[in-house]
Amino acid sequence: MIRGIASAVLPVLRRADPETAHNLALWALRLGLVGCDRRPDDPVLATHALGHDFTNPIGLAAGFDKNAAAIAPLMRLGFGFIEAGTVTPRPQSGNPRPRLFRLDQDRAVVNRLGFNNEGLPAFLSRVAARPRAAVVFGCNVGINKDGADPERDYPALVEAVAPYADYVVINVSSPNTPGLRDLQG
């Protein structure tokens, strides 16, 4: 983001509801209002893991861009990897608001969004069009809160996103999806 615009906008975003600020950040990314990091990473940061070469070990985990709406601009920010999702087979509204909370003293955020996303078809249309770049790209998949069948849904999700991803994460950690954490056992 241009330094002058950032100086004006960031204080407003900090006073906004956390979820509104998050959505505005994604909007700004999609409109190209956020800059990019053109400096090459120091070679000492290069990491090789799971068959992939990462230019640096710092990545953006799932949850920020649940709908794969800002993949290209996020890839220009200097991350070593970007992970989109969590995506579920069908659209899902997630938990009722408020569901994202700032802990200002700790400079942290509590996320209780609940796998809110536009569903697999919308997600696939965006990841299929994503630019192929040096940034490693992952997809994070989960099951719907209602009507889920893990033995059916997870394989179908992995099969659907695998052609577009360098890696796939199967999310079994949300406390908001009944029985999901039981799958960890």
C-alpha atoms as a PDB file:
ATOM      1  CA  MET A   1       0.000   0.000   0.000  1.00  0.00           C
ATOM      2  CA  ILE A   2       1.316   3.449  -0.783  1.00  0.00           C
ATOM      3  CA  ARG A   3       2.886   4.808   2.403  1.00  0.00           C
ATOM      4  CA  GLY A   4       0.598   7.884   2.606  1.00  0.00           C
ATOM      5  CA  ILE A   5      -2.539   5.811   2.106  1.00  0.00           C
ATOM      6  CA  ALA A   6      -1.343   3.289   4.689  1.00  0.00           C
ATOM      7  CA  SER A   7      -0.779   6.073   7.231  1.00  0.00           C
ATOM      8  CA  ALA A   8      -4.369   7.205   6.784  1.00  0.00           C
ATOM      9  CA  VAL A   9      -6.064   3.815   6.501  1.00  0.00           C
ATOM     10  CA  LEU A  10      -4.349   1.696   9.164  1.00  0.00           C
ATOM     11  CA  PRO A  11      -5.679   3.679  12.151  1.00  0.00           C
ATOM     12  CA  VAL A  12      -9.190   3.369  10.716  1.00  0.00           C
ATOM     13  CA  LEU A  13      -8.780  -0.391  10.253  1.00  0.00           C
ATOM     14  CA  ARG A  14      -7.567  -0.744  13.838  1.00  0.00           C
ATOM     15  CA  ARG A  15     -10.756   0.927  15.101  1.00  0.00           C
ATOM     16  CA  ALA A  16     -13.049  -1.096  12.838  1.00  0.00           C
ATOM     17  CA  ASP A  17     -14.668  -4.346  13.840  1.00  0.00           C
ATOM     18  CA  PRO A  18     -11.963  -7.035  13.333  1.00  0.00           C
ATOM     19  CA  GLU A  19     -13.920  -8.969  10.714  1.00  0.00           C
ATOM     20  CA  THR A  20     -14.752  -5.795   8.799  1.00  0.00           C
ATOM     21  CA  ALA A  21     -11.061  -4.827   8.871  1.00  0.00           C
ATOM     22  CA  HIS A  22     -10.147  -8.302   7.589  1.00  0.00           C
ATOM     23  CA  ASN A  23     -12.634  -8.025   4.713  1.00  0.00           C
ATOM     24  CA  LEU A  24     -11.364  -4.535   3.847  1.00  0.00           C
ATOM     25  CA  ALA A  25      -7.797  -5.860   3.751  1.00  0.00           C
ATOM     26  CA  LEU A  26      -8.824  -8.570   1.266  1.00  0.00           C
ATOM     27  CA  TRP A  27     -10.671  -5.949  -0.789  1.00  0.00           C
ATOM     28  CA  ALA A  28      -7.571  -3.710  -0.859  1.00  0.00           C
ATOM     29  CA  LEU A  29      -5.423  -6.653  -1.934  1.00  0.00           C
ATOM     30  CA  ARG A  30      -7.798  -7.532  -4.789  1.00  0.00           C
ATOM     31  CA  LEU A  31      -7.815  -3.907  -5.983  1.00  0.00           C
ATOM     32  CA  GLY A  32      -4.032  -3.739  -6.023  1.00  0.00           C
ATOM     33  CA  LEU A  33      -3.885  -1.126  -3.261  1.00  0.00           C
ATOM     34  CA  VAL A  34      -1.244  -3.108  -1.421  1.00  0.00           C
ATOM     35  CA  GLY A  35       2.352  -3.036  -2.627  1.00  0.00           C
ATOM     36  CA  CYS A  36       4.703  -5.884  -3.232  1.00  0.00           C
ATOM     37  CA  ASP A  37       8.091  -7.046  -2.051  1.00  0.00           C
ATOM     38  CA  ARG A  38      10.476  -7.013  -5.005  1.00  0.00           C
ATOM     39  CA  ARG A  39      13.619  -7.763  -2.991  1.00  0.00           C
ATOM     40  CA  PRO A  40      14.913 -11.297  -3.453  1.00  0.00           C
ATOM     41  CA  ASP A  41      15.093 -13.366  -0.300  1.00  0.00           C
ATOM     42  CA  ASP A  42      18.504 -13.937   1.217  1.00  0.00           C
ATOM     43  CA  PRO A  43      19.589 -17.403   0.031  1.00  0.00           C
ATOM     44  CA  VAL A  44      20.249 -18.415   3.645  1.00  0.00           C
ATOM     45  CA  LEU A  45      16.432 -18.412   4.119  1.00  0.00           C
ATOM     46  CA  ALA A  46      15.821 -21.001   1.402  1.00  0.00           C
ATOM     47  CA  THR A  47      14.203 -24.149   2.718  1.00  0.00           C
ATOM     48  CA  HIS A  48      13.532 -27.493   1.082  1.00  0.00           C
ATOM     49  CA  ALA A  49      10.715 -29.520   2.639  1.00  0.00           C
ATOM     50  CA  LEU A  50       8.322 -32.181   1.410  1.00  0.00           C
ATOM     51  CA  GLY A  51       9.703 -31.964  -2.099  1.00  0.00           C
ATOM     52  CA  HIS A  52       9.237 -28.204  -2.405  1.00  0.00           C
ATOM     53  CA  ASP A  53      11.700 -25.335  -2.498  1.00  0.00           C
ATOM     54  CA  PHE A  54      10.622 -22.385  -0.343  1.00  0.00           C
ATOM     55  CA  THR A  55      12.407 -19.054  -0.884  1.00  0.00           C
ATOM     56  CA  ASN A  56      11.903 -18.407   2.824  1.00  0.00           C
ATOM     57  CA  PRO A  57      10.200 -20.249   5.699  1.00  0.00           C
ATOM     58  CA  ILE A  58       7.598 -17.552   6.468  1.00  0.00           C
ATOM     59  CA  GLY A  59       4.137 -18.301   5.106  1.00  0.00           C
ATOM     60  CA  LEU A  60       0.550 -17.215   5.304  1.00  0.00           C
ATOM     61  CA  ALA A  61      -1.531 -20.001   6.806  1.00  0.00           C
ATOM     62  CA  ALA A  62      -5.127 -20.830   5.989  1.00  0.00           C
ATOM     63  CA  GLY A  63      -7.827 -18.610   7.410  1.00  0.00           C
ATOM     64  CA  PHE A  64      -6.803 -15.257   5.983  1.00  0.00           C
ATOM     65  CA  ASP A  65      -7.938 -15.942   2.413  1.00  0.00           C
ATOM     66  CA  LYS A  66     -10.621 -18.571   2.927  1.00  0.00           C
ATOM     67  CA  ASN A  67     -12.114 -18.142  -0.543  1.00  0.00           C
ATOM     68  CA  ALA A  68      -8.847 -17.850  -2.522  1.00  0.00           C
ATOM     69  CA  ALA A  69      -9.921 -14.328  -3.468  1.00  0.00           C
ATOM     70  CA  ALA A  70      -6.517 -12.630  -3.248  1.00  0.00           C
ATOM     71  CA  ILE A  71      -3.948 -15.291  -4.112  1.00  0.00           C
ATOM     72  CA  ALA A  72      -1.952 -13.296  -6.676  1.00  0.00           C
ATOM     73  CA  PRO A  73      -1.566 -10.138  -4.553  1.00  0.00           C
ATOM     74  CA  LEU A  74      -0.681 -12.218  -1.492  1.00  0.00           C
ATOM     75  CA  MET A  75       2.011 -14.003  -3.499  1.00  0.00           C
ATOM     76  CA  ARG A  76       3.642 -10.628  -4.180  1.00  0.00           C
ATOM     77  CA  LEU A  77       4.081  -9.781  -0.489  1.00  0.00           C
ATOM     78  CA  GLY A  78       7.219 -11.852   0.085  1.00  0.00           C
ATOM     79  CA  PHE A  79       5.835 -14.977   1.727  1.00  0.00           C
ATOM     80  CA  GLY A  80       7.576 -18.308   1.186  1.00  0.00           C
ATOM     81  CA  PHE A  81       4.188 -20.002   0.881  1.00  0.00           C
ATOM     82  CA  ILE A  82       0.496 -19.098   0.769  1.00  0.00           C
ATOM     83  CA  GLU A  83      -2.279 -21.380   2.004  1.00  0.00           C
ATOM     84  CA  ALA A  84      -5.892 -20.694   1.006  1.00  0.00           C
ATOM     85  CA  GLY A  85      -8.978 -22.039   2.743  1.00  0.00           C
ATOM     86  CA  THR A  86     -10.353 -23.701   4.752  1.00  0.00           C
ATOM     87  CA  VAL A  87     -12.800 -24.636   2.006  1.00  0.00           C
ATOM     88  CA  THR A  88     -15.751 -26.971   2.540  1.00  0.00           C
ATOM     89  CA  PRO A  89     -17.760 -28.898  -0.067  1.00  0.00           C
ATOM     90  CA  ARG A  90     -20.742 -26.548   0.214  1.00  0.00           C
ATOM     91  CA  PRO A  91     -20.905 -22.849   1.136  1.00  0.00           C
ATOM     92  CA  GLN A  92     -21.134 -22.237   4.850  1.00  0.00           C
ATOM     93  CA  SER A  93     -21.826 -19.061   6.801  1.00  0.00           C
ATOM     94  CA  GLY A  94     -19.775 -20.029   9.847  1.00  0.00           C
ATOM     95  CA  ASN A  95     -20.495 -18.911  13.385  1.00  0.00           C
ATOM     96  CA  PRO A  96     -22.650 -15.896  14.232  1.00  0.00           C
ATOM     97  CA  ARG A  97     -20.917 -12.534  14.717  1.00  0.00           C
ATOM     98  CA  PRO A  98     -18.925 -11.450  16.585  1.00  0.00           C
ATOM     99  CA  ARG A  99     -16.511 -14.262  15.809  1.00  0.00           C
ATOM    100  CA  LEU A 100     -13.164 -12.521  15.389  1.00  0.00           C
ATOM    101  CA  PHE A 101     -11.658 -10.757  18.393  1.00  0.00           C
ATOM    102  CA  ARG A 102      -8.592  -8.586  18.921  1.00  0.00           C
ATOM    103  CA  LEU A 103      -6.411  -9.043  21.976  1.00  0.00           C
ATOM    104  CA  ASP A 104      -4.730  -5.646  21.742  1.00  0.00           C
ATOM    105  CA  GLN A 105      -2.469  -6.119  24.761  1.00  0.00           C
ATOM    106  CA  ASP A 106      -1.155  -9.407  23.328  1.00  0.00           C
ATOM    107  CA  ARG A 107      -1.178  -8.120  19.720  1.00  0.00           C
ATOM    108  CA  ALA A 108      -3.154 -11.207  18.753  1.00  0.00           C
ATOM    109  CA  VAL A 109      -6.476 -12.267  17.271  1.00  0.00           C
ATOM    110  CA  VAL A 110      -8.903 -14.964  18.395  1.00  0.00           C
ATOM    111  CA  ASN A 111     -10.559 -16.672  15.429  1.00  0.00           C
ATOM    112  CA  ARG A 112     -13.955 -18.306  15.966  1.00  0.00           C
ATOM    113  CA  LEU A 113     -15.118 -17.923  12.374  1.00  0.00           C
ATOM    114  CA  GLY A 114     -16.228 -21.536  11.947  1.00  0.00           C
ATOM    115  CA  PHE A 115     -15.122 -22.427   8.391  1.00  0.00           C
ATOM    116  CA  ASN A 116     -17.117 -19.618   6.782  1.00  0.00           C
ATOM    117  CA  ASN A 117     -16.503 -19.850   3.021  1.00  0.00           C
ATOM    118  CA  GLU A 118     -18.198 -19.764  -0.375  1.00  0.00           C
ATOM    119  CA  GLY A 119     -17.800 -23.509  -0.985  1.00  0.00           C
ATOM    120  CA  LEU A 120     -15.689 -25.667  -3.269  1.00  0.00           C
ATOM    121  CA  PRO A 121     -16.969 -24.578  -6.732  1.00  0.00           C
ATOM    122  CA  ALA A 122     -16.211 -20.873  -6.106  1.00  0.00           C
ATOM    123  CA  PHE A 123     -12.851 -21.757  -4.538  1.00  0.00           C
ATOM    124  CA  LEU A 124     -11.872 -23.969  -7.491  1.00  0.00           C
ATOM    125  CA  SER A 125     -12.714 -21.279 -10.028  1.00  0.00           C
ATOM    126  CA  ARG A 126     -10.206 -18.988  -8.301  1.00  0.00           C
ATOM    127  CA  VAL A 127      -7.399 -21.466  -7.664  1.00  0.00           C
ATOM    128  CA  ALA A 128      -7.616 -22.720 -11.253  1.00  0.00           C
ATOM    129  CA  ALA A 129      -6.927 -19.161 -12.435  1.00  0.00           C
ATOM    130  CA  ARG A 130      -4.123 -18.445  -9.960  1.00  0.00           C
ATOM    131  CA  PRO A 131      -0.735 -17.465 -11.304  1.00  0.00           C
ATOM    132  CA  ARG A 132       1.967 -20.088 -11.209  1.00  0.00           C
ATOM    133  CA  ALA A 133       4.744 -18.493  -9.216  1.00  0.00           C
ATOM    134  CA  ALA A 134       7.804 -19.285  -7.180  1.00  0.00           C
ATOM    135  CA  VAL A 135       5.631 -19.104  -4.074  1.00  0.00           C
ATOM    136  CA  VAL A 136       4.546 -22.528  -2.834  1.00  0.00           C
ATOM    137  CA  PHE A 137       0.739 -22.737  -2.751  1.00  0.00           C
ATOM    138  CA  GLY A 138      -1.389 -24.887  -0.459  1.00  0.00           C
ATOM    139  CA  CYS A 139      -5.083 -25.594  -0.102  1.00  0.00           C
ATOM    140  CA  ASN A 140      -6.710 -26.266   3.264  1.00  0.00           C
ATOM    141  CA  VAL A 141      -9.855 -28.433   3.208  1.00  0.00           C
ATOM    142  CA  GLY A 142     -12.510 -29.122   5.820  1.00  0.00           C
ATOM    143  CA  ILE A 143     -15.964 -30.582   6.156  1.00  0.00           C
ATOM    144  CA  ASN A 144     -19.256 -28.757   6.541  1.00  0.00           C
ATOM    145  CA  LYS A 145     -20.798 -28.332   9.951  1.00  0.00           C
ATOM    146  CA  ASP A 146     -24.057 -29.948   8.791  1.00  0.00           C
ATOM    147  CA  GLY A 147     -24.493 -32.986   6.563  1.00  0.00           C
ATOM    148  CA  ALA A 148     -20.825 -33.902   6.553  1.00  0.00           C
ATOM    149  CA  ASP A 149     -19.535 -37.349   5.747  1.00  0.00           C
ATOM    150  CA  PRO A 150     -15.770 -37.267   6.396  1.00  0.00           C
ATOM    151  CA  GLU A 151     -15.084 -40.525   4.546  1.00  0.00           C
ATOM    152  CA  ARG A 152     -16.792 -39.086   1.459  1.00  0.00           C
ATOM    153  CA  ASP A 153     -15.949 -35.394   1.794  1.00  0.00           C
ATOM    154  CA  TYR A 154     -12.211 -35.374   2.543  1.00  0.00           C
ATOM    155  CA  PRO A 155     -11.184 -37.601  -0.403  1.00  0.00           C
ATOM    156  CA  ALA A 156     -13.440 -35.607  -2.761  1.00  0.00           C
ATOM    157  CA  LEU A 157     -11.992 -32.303  -1.518  1.00  0.00           C
ATOM    158  CA  VAL A 158      -8.392 -33.486  -1.839  1.00  0.00           C
ATOM    159  CA  GLU A 159      -9.047 -34.840  -5.338  1.00  0.00           C
ATOM    160  CA  ALA A 160     -10.664 -31.537  -6.382  1.00  0.00           C
ATOM    161  CA  VAL A 161      -7.923 -29.184  -5.122  1.00  0.00           C
ATOM    162  CA  ALA A 162      -4.841 -31.371  -5.689  1.00  0.00           C
ATOM    163  CA  PRO A 163      -4.317 -30.384  -9.355  1.00  0.00           C
ATOM    164  CA  TYR A 164      -3.989 -26.730  -8.301  1.00  0.00           C
ATOM    165  CA  ALA A 165      -1.993 -27.068  -5.084  1.00  0.00           C
ATOM    166  CA  ASP A 166       1.601 -27.798  -4.193  1.00  0.00           C
ATOM    167  CA  TYR A 167       0.292 -29.337  -0.967  1.00  0.00           C
ATOM    168  CA  VAL A 168      -3.065 -30.011   0.703  1.00  0.00           C
ATOM    169  CA  VAL A 169      -3.883 -29.701   4.406  1.00  0.00           C
ATOM    170  CA  ILE A 170      -6.759 -31.716   5.847  1.00  0.00           C
ATOM    171  CA  ASN A 171      -8.209 -29.576   8.617  1.00  0.00           C
ATOM    172  CA  VAL A 172      -9.464 -31.609  11.577  1.00  0.00           C
ATOM    173  CA  SER A 173      -8.936 -28.970  14.244  1.00  0.00           C
ATOM    174  CA  SER A 174     -11.977 -26.665  14.242  1.00  0.00           C
ATOM    175  CA  PRO A 175     -13.852 -26.804  17.550  1.00  0.00           C
ATOM    176  CA  ASN A 176     -16.892 -25.366  15.726  1.00  0.00           C
ATOM    177  CA  THR A 177     -17.650 -28.457  13.624  1.00  0.00           C
ATOM    178  CA  PRO A 178     -19.332 -31.191  15.697  1.00  0.00           C
ATOM    179  CA  GLY A 179     -17.171 -34.313  15.966  1.00  0.00           C
ATOM    180  CA  LEU A 180     -14.353 -32.890  13.828  1.00  0.00           C
ATOM    181  CA  ARG A 181     -11.673 -33.042  16.503  1.00  0.00           C
ATOM    182  CA  ASP A 182     -12.628 -36.684  17.157  1.00  0.00           C
ATOM    183  CA  LEU A 183     -11.103 -37.455  13.744  1.00  0.00           C
ATOM    184  CA  GLN A 184      -7.687 -36.628  15.184  1.00  0.00           C
ATOM    185  CA  GLY A 185      -7.864 -39.926  17.056  1.00  0.00           C
END
